[in-house]
Amino acid sequence: MASRCLPKMKVQDAFRSQVHLKIITFFHENQASIDTPRGVSTWIREDRARVKKALEDLVAMEILIAHRATSITGYSYTRDRKLISKIARLLKKPT
């Protein structure tokens, strides 16, 4: 089943996955950065395949923006101020 057929994840749901949380934290702390799955996996020290899937999940949730070229995709943080504020609040919550 294609992921497009699944219900859209809520922002809070992404915080339940360690990989998603690490990626969100990375981009929240580096809001001007654009990086590839390889670069992100290096920064957060996670398996590239898991990172790539999580990156696409976060694009579907509009937390990240995919910059697609012929041979590579770079990812950057949302520019939506409301969403950034919501993520900031969620990152501050005790786990």
N, C-alpha and C. Protein backbone atom coordinates (compact mmCIF):
# COMPACT_ATOMS: atom_id res chain seq x y z
N MET A 1 0.84 -1.18 0.00
CA MET A 1 0.00 0.00 0.00
C MET A 1 0.89 1.24 0.00
N ALA A 2 0.64 2.18 -0.86
CA ALA A 2 1.43 3.40 -0.95
C ALA A 2 1.19 4.27 0.27
N SER A 3 2.25 4.96 0.69
CA SER A 3 2.12 5.80 1.89
C SER A 3 1.12 6.93 1.68
N ARG A 4 0.87 7.34 0.43
CA ARG A 4 -0.09 8.40 0.17
C ARG A 4 -1.51 7.99 0.54
N CYS A 5 -1.76 6.70 0.63
CA CYS A 5 -3.10 6.21 0.97
C CYS A 5 -3.32 6.17 2.48
N LEU A 6 -2.26 6.28 3.24
CA LEU A 6 -2.37 6.21 4.69
C LEU A 6 -2.80 7.56 5.24
N PRO A 7 -3.43 7.57 6.42
CA PRO A 7 -3.80 8.84 7.02
C PRO A 7 -2.55 9.66 7.33
N LYS A 8 -2.67 10.96 7.21
CA LYS A 8 -1.54 11.85 7.47
C LYS A 8 -1.17 11.78 8.95
N MET A 9 0.13 11.62 9.21
CA MET A 9 0.62 11.60 10.59
C MET A 9 0.50 13.00 11.18
N LYS A 10 0.26 13.06 12.46
CA LYS A 10 0.26 14.34 13.16
C LYS A 10 1.69 14.64 13.59
N VAL A 11 1.99 15.91 13.78
CA VAL A 11 3.33 16.32 14.19
C VAL A 11 3.75 15.58 15.46
N GLN A 12 2.84 15.47 16.42
CA GLN A 12 3.16 14.80 17.68
C GLN A 12 3.58 13.35 17.46
N ASP A 13 2.99 12.69 16.45
CA ASP A 13 3.31 11.29 16.17
C ASP A 13 4.78 11.11 15.81
N ALA A 14 5.35 12.08 15.11
CA ALA A 14 6.75 11.99 14.70
C ALA A 14 7.68 11.98 15.90
N PHE A 15 7.24 12.54 17.02
CA PHE A 15 8.08 12.61 18.20
C PHE A 15 8.17 11.26 18.92
N ARG A 16 7.39 10.28 18.50
CA ARG A 16 7.44 8.94 19.11
C ARG A 16 8.56 8.10 18.52
N SER A 17 9.06 8.49 17.36
CA SER A 17 10.15 7.77 16.70
C SER A 17 11.47 8.48 16.96
N GLN A 18 12.46 7.73 17.43
CA GLN A 18 13.76 8.31 17.75
C GLN A 18 14.42 8.92 16.51
N VAL A 19 14.31 8.25 15.36
CA VAL A 19 14.92 8.77 14.13
C VAL A 19 14.23 10.07 13.70
N HIS A 20 12.90 10.07 13.70
CA HIS A 20 12.16 11.28 13.33
C HIS A 20 12.52 12.43 14.28
N LEU A 21 12.57 12.13 15.57
CA LEU A 21 12.88 13.15 16.57
C LEU A 21 14.28 13.73 16.36
N LYS A 22 15.25 12.87 16.08
CA LYS A 22 16.62 13.35 15.83
C LYS A 22 16.67 14.26 14.60
N ILE A 23 15.94 13.88 13.56
CA ILE A 23 15.92 14.69 12.33
C ILE A 23 15.25 16.03 12.60
N ILE A 24 14.11 16.01 13.27
CA ILE A 24 13.40 17.26 13.59
C ILE A 24 14.31 18.16 14.42
N THR A 25 14.95 17.60 15.42
CA THR A 25 15.85 18.38 16.28
C THR A 25 16.99 18.98 15.47
N PHE A 26 17.59 18.16 14.60
CA PHE A 26 18.69 18.64 13.75
C PHE A 26 18.26 19.85 12.92
N PHE A 27 17.14 19.72 12.22
CA PHE A 27 16.70 20.83 11.37
C PHE A 27 16.19 22.02 12.18
N HIS A 28 15.59 21.77 13.33
CA HIS A 28 15.12 22.88 14.18
C HIS A 28 16.32 23.70 14.67
N GLU A 29 17.41 23.02 15.00
CA GLU A 29 18.61 23.70 15.49
C GLU A 29 19.44 24.29 14.36
N ASN A 30 19.20 23.86 13.13
CA ASN A 30 19.97 24.32 11.95
C ASN A 30 18.98 24.72 10.85
N GLN A 31 18.16 25.72 11.13
CA GLN A 31 17.03 26.03 10.26
C GLN A 31 17.42 26.52 8.87
N ALA A 32 18.64 26.97 8.66
CA ALA A 32 19.06 27.44 7.34
C ALA A 32 19.70 26.33 6.52
N SER A 33 19.84 25.15 7.08
CA SER A 33 20.57 24.09 6.37
C SER A 33 19.70 23.34 5.38
N ILE A 34 20.36 22.85 4.34
CA ILE A 34 19.78 21.91 3.38
C ILE A 34 20.74 20.75 3.35
N ASP A 35 20.23 19.53 3.51
CA ASP A 35 21.12 18.37 3.54
C ASP A 35 20.48 17.17 2.86
N THR A 36 21.32 16.22 2.50
CA THR A 36 20.90 14.99 1.83
C THR A 36 20.67 13.90 2.86
N PRO A 37 20.03 12.80 2.46
CA PRO A 37 19.88 11.68 3.40
C PRO A 37 21.23 11.21 3.95
N ARG A 38 22.23 11.18 3.09
CA ARG A 38 23.57 10.76 3.53
C ARG A 38 24.10 11.71 4.60
N GLY A 39 24.00 13.01 4.35
CA GLY A 39 24.48 13.99 5.32
C GLY A 39 23.73 13.93 6.63
N VAL A 40 22.41 13.84 6.56
CA VAL A 40 21.59 13.78 7.77
C VAL A 40 21.92 12.52 8.56
N SER A 41 22.06 11.39 7.86
CA SER A 41 22.36 10.13 8.57
C SER A 41 23.72 10.21 9.27
N THR A 42 24.66 10.93 8.67
CA THR A 42 25.96 11.13 9.30
C THR A 42 25.82 11.99 10.56
N TRP A 43 25.10 13.10 10.44
CA TRP A 43 24.93 14.01 11.57
C TRP A 43 24.22 13.36 12.75
N ILE A 44 23.18 12.58 12.47
CA ILE A 44 22.40 12.01 13.58
C ILE A 44 22.81 10.58 13.92
N ARG A 45 23.77 10.04 13.15
CA ARG A 45 24.33 8.69 13.40
C ARG A 45 23.27 7.60 13.38
N GLU A 46 22.51 7.59 12.28
CA GLU A 46 21.49 6.57 12.08
C GLU A 46 21.64 5.98 10.68
N ASP A 47 21.07 4.81 10.47
CA ASP A 47 21.10 4.11 9.19
C ASP A 47 20.47 4.97 8.09
N ARG A 48 21.15 5.06 6.95
CA ARG A 48 20.70 5.93 5.86
C ARG A 48 19.31 5.56 5.33
N ALA A 49 19.02 4.27 5.22
CA ALA A 49 17.70 3.85 4.71
C ALA A 49 16.58 4.29 5.66
N ARG A 50 16.81 4.14 6.95
CA ARG A 50 15.81 4.59 7.94
C ARG A 50 15.65 6.10 7.90
N VAL A 51 16.77 6.80 7.75
CA VAL A 51 16.74 8.26 7.67
C VAL A 51 15.98 8.71 6.43
N LYS A 52 16.24 8.07 5.30
CA LYS A 52 15.57 8.45 4.05
C LYS A 52 14.05 8.31 4.17
N LYS A 53 13.60 7.20 4.76
CA LYS A 53 12.16 7.00 4.95
C LYS A 53 11.59 8.06 5.89
N ALA A 54 12.28 8.32 6.98
CA ALA A 54 11.82 9.33 7.94
C ALA A 54 11.79 10.72 7.31
N LEU A 55 12.78 11.04 6.48
CA LEU A 55 12.78 12.33 5.79
C LEU A 55 11.53 12.49 4.93
N GLU A 56 11.18 11.43 4.20
CA GLU A 56 9.99 11.49 3.35
C GLU A 56 8.71 11.59 4.19
N ASP A 57 8.68 10.91 5.34
CA ASP A 57 7.54 11.05 6.26
C ASP A 57 7.39 12.52 6.69
N LEU A 58 8.52 13.14 7.02
CA LEU A 58 8.50 14.52 7.50
C LEU A 58 8.14 15.50 6.38
N VAL A 59 8.48 15.17 5.14
CA VAL A 59 8.04 15.98 4.00
C VAL A 59 6.52 15.88 3.88
N ALA A 60 5.98 14.67 4.01
CA ALA A 60 4.53 14.47 3.92
C ALA A 60 3.80 15.24 5.02
N MET A 61 4.46 15.41 6.15
CA MET A 61 3.87 16.14 7.28
C MET A 61 4.12 17.64 7.17
N GLU A 62 4.86 18.05 6.14
CA GLU A 62 5.20 19.45 5.87
C GLU A 62 6.14 20.05 6.90
N ILE A 63 6.85 19.18 7.64
CA ILE A 63 7.88 19.65 8.57
C ILE A 63 9.16 19.95 7.79
N LEU A 64 9.40 19.17 6.75
CA LEU A 64 10.55 19.39 5.87
C LEU A 64 10.09 19.68 4.46
N ILE A 65 10.97 20.29 3.68
CA ILE A 65 10.75 20.57 2.27
C ILE A 65 11.77 19.75 1.49
N ALA A 66 11.31 19.01 0.48
CA ALA A 66 12.21 18.24 -0.39
C ALA A 66 12.58 19.09 -1.59
N HIS A 67 13.87 19.20 -1.84
CA HIS A 67 14.40 19.91 -3.01
C HIS A 67 14.93 18.83 -3.95
N ARG A 68 14.10 18.41 -4.90
CA ARG A 68 14.44 17.28 -5.75
C ARG A 68 15.15 17.72 -7.03
N ALA A 69 16.27 17.06 -7.31
CA ALA A 69 17.00 17.24 -8.56
C ALA A 69 17.07 15.87 -9.23
N THR A 70 17.65 15.80 -10.39
CA THR A 70 17.70 14.54 -11.13
C THR A 70 18.33 13.41 -10.33
N SER A 71 19.46 13.67 -9.71
CA SER A 71 20.19 12.57 -9.07
C SER A 71 20.22 12.64 -7.55
N ILE A 72 19.69 13.69 -6.97
CA ILE A 72 19.80 13.84 -5.51
C ILE A 72 18.63 14.67 -4.97
N THR A 73 18.30 14.43 -3.72
CA THR A 73 17.28 15.23 -3.04
C THR A 73 17.90 15.83 -1.79
N GLY A 74 17.73 17.13 -1.64
CA GLY A 74 18.14 17.81 -0.42
C GLY A 74 16.90 18.15 0.38
N TYR A 75 17.05 18.23 1.68
CA TYR A 75 15.91 18.51 2.56
C TYR A 75 16.22 19.74 3.40
N SER A 76 15.19 20.55 3.62
CA SER A 76 15.33 21.72 4.47
C SER A 76 14.10 21.82 5.38
N TYR A 77 14.23 22.66 6.37
CA TYR A 77 13.19 22.84 7.39
C TYR A 77 12.05 23.69 6.85
N THR A 78 10.88 23.47 7.36
CA THR A 78 9.72 24.27 6.99
C THR A 78 9.98 25.75 7.24
N ARG A 79 9.26 26.59 6.52
CA ARG A 79 9.31 28.03 6.75
C ARG A 79 8.03 28.51 7.44
N ASP A 80 7.16 27.56 7.77
CA ASP A 80 5.87 27.86 8.41
C ASP A 80 6.11 28.21 9.88
N ARG A 81 5.97 29.49 10.21
CA ARG A 81 6.26 29.97 11.57
C ARG A 81 5.38 29.31 12.64
N LYS A 82 4.12 29.07 12.33
CA LYS A 82 3.23 28.40 13.29
C LYS A 82 3.72 26.99 13.58
N LEU A 83 4.10 26.28 12.54
CA LEU A 83 4.59 24.91 12.71
C LEU A 83 5.91 24.90 13.46
N ILE A 84 6.79 25.84 13.16
CA ILE A 84 8.07 25.94 13.87
C ILE A 84 7.82 26.19 15.36
N SER A 85 6.88 27.06 15.68
CA SER A 85 6.54 27.33 17.09
C SER A 85 5.98 26.09 17.78
N LYS A 86 5.13 25.37 17.07
CA LYS A 86 4.56 24.14 17.63
C LYS A 86 5.66 23.12 17.91
N ILE A 87 6.58 22.97 16.97
CA ILE A 87 7.69 22.03 17.14
C ILE A 87 8.57 22.47 18.31
N ALA A 88 8.82 23.76 18.43
CA ALA A 88 9.62 24.28 19.55
C ALA A 88 8.98 23.90 20.88
N ARG A 89 7.66 24.05 20.96
CA ARG A 89 6.95 23.68 22.21
C ARG A 89 7.08 22.18 22.47
N LEU A 90 6.92 21.37 21.44
CA LEU A 90 7.00 19.92 21.61
C LEU A 90 8.41 19.47 22.00
N LEU A 91 9.42 20.14 21.45
CA LEU A 91 10.80 19.79 21.79
C LEU A 91 11.12 20.12 23.25
N LYS A 92 10.44 21.11 23.82
CA LYS A 92 10.68 21.50 25.21
C LYS A 92 9.95 20.63 26.21
N LYS A 93 8.94 19.88 25.75
CA LYS A 93 8.17 19.02 26.67
C LYS A 93 9.06 17.93 27.24
N PRO A 94 8.91 17.63 28.53
CA PRO A 94 9.67 16.51 29.09
C PRO A 94 9.18 15.19 28.48
N THR A 95 10.11 14.26 28.31
CA THR A 95 9.75 12.97 27.71
C THR A 95 9.36 11.96 28.74
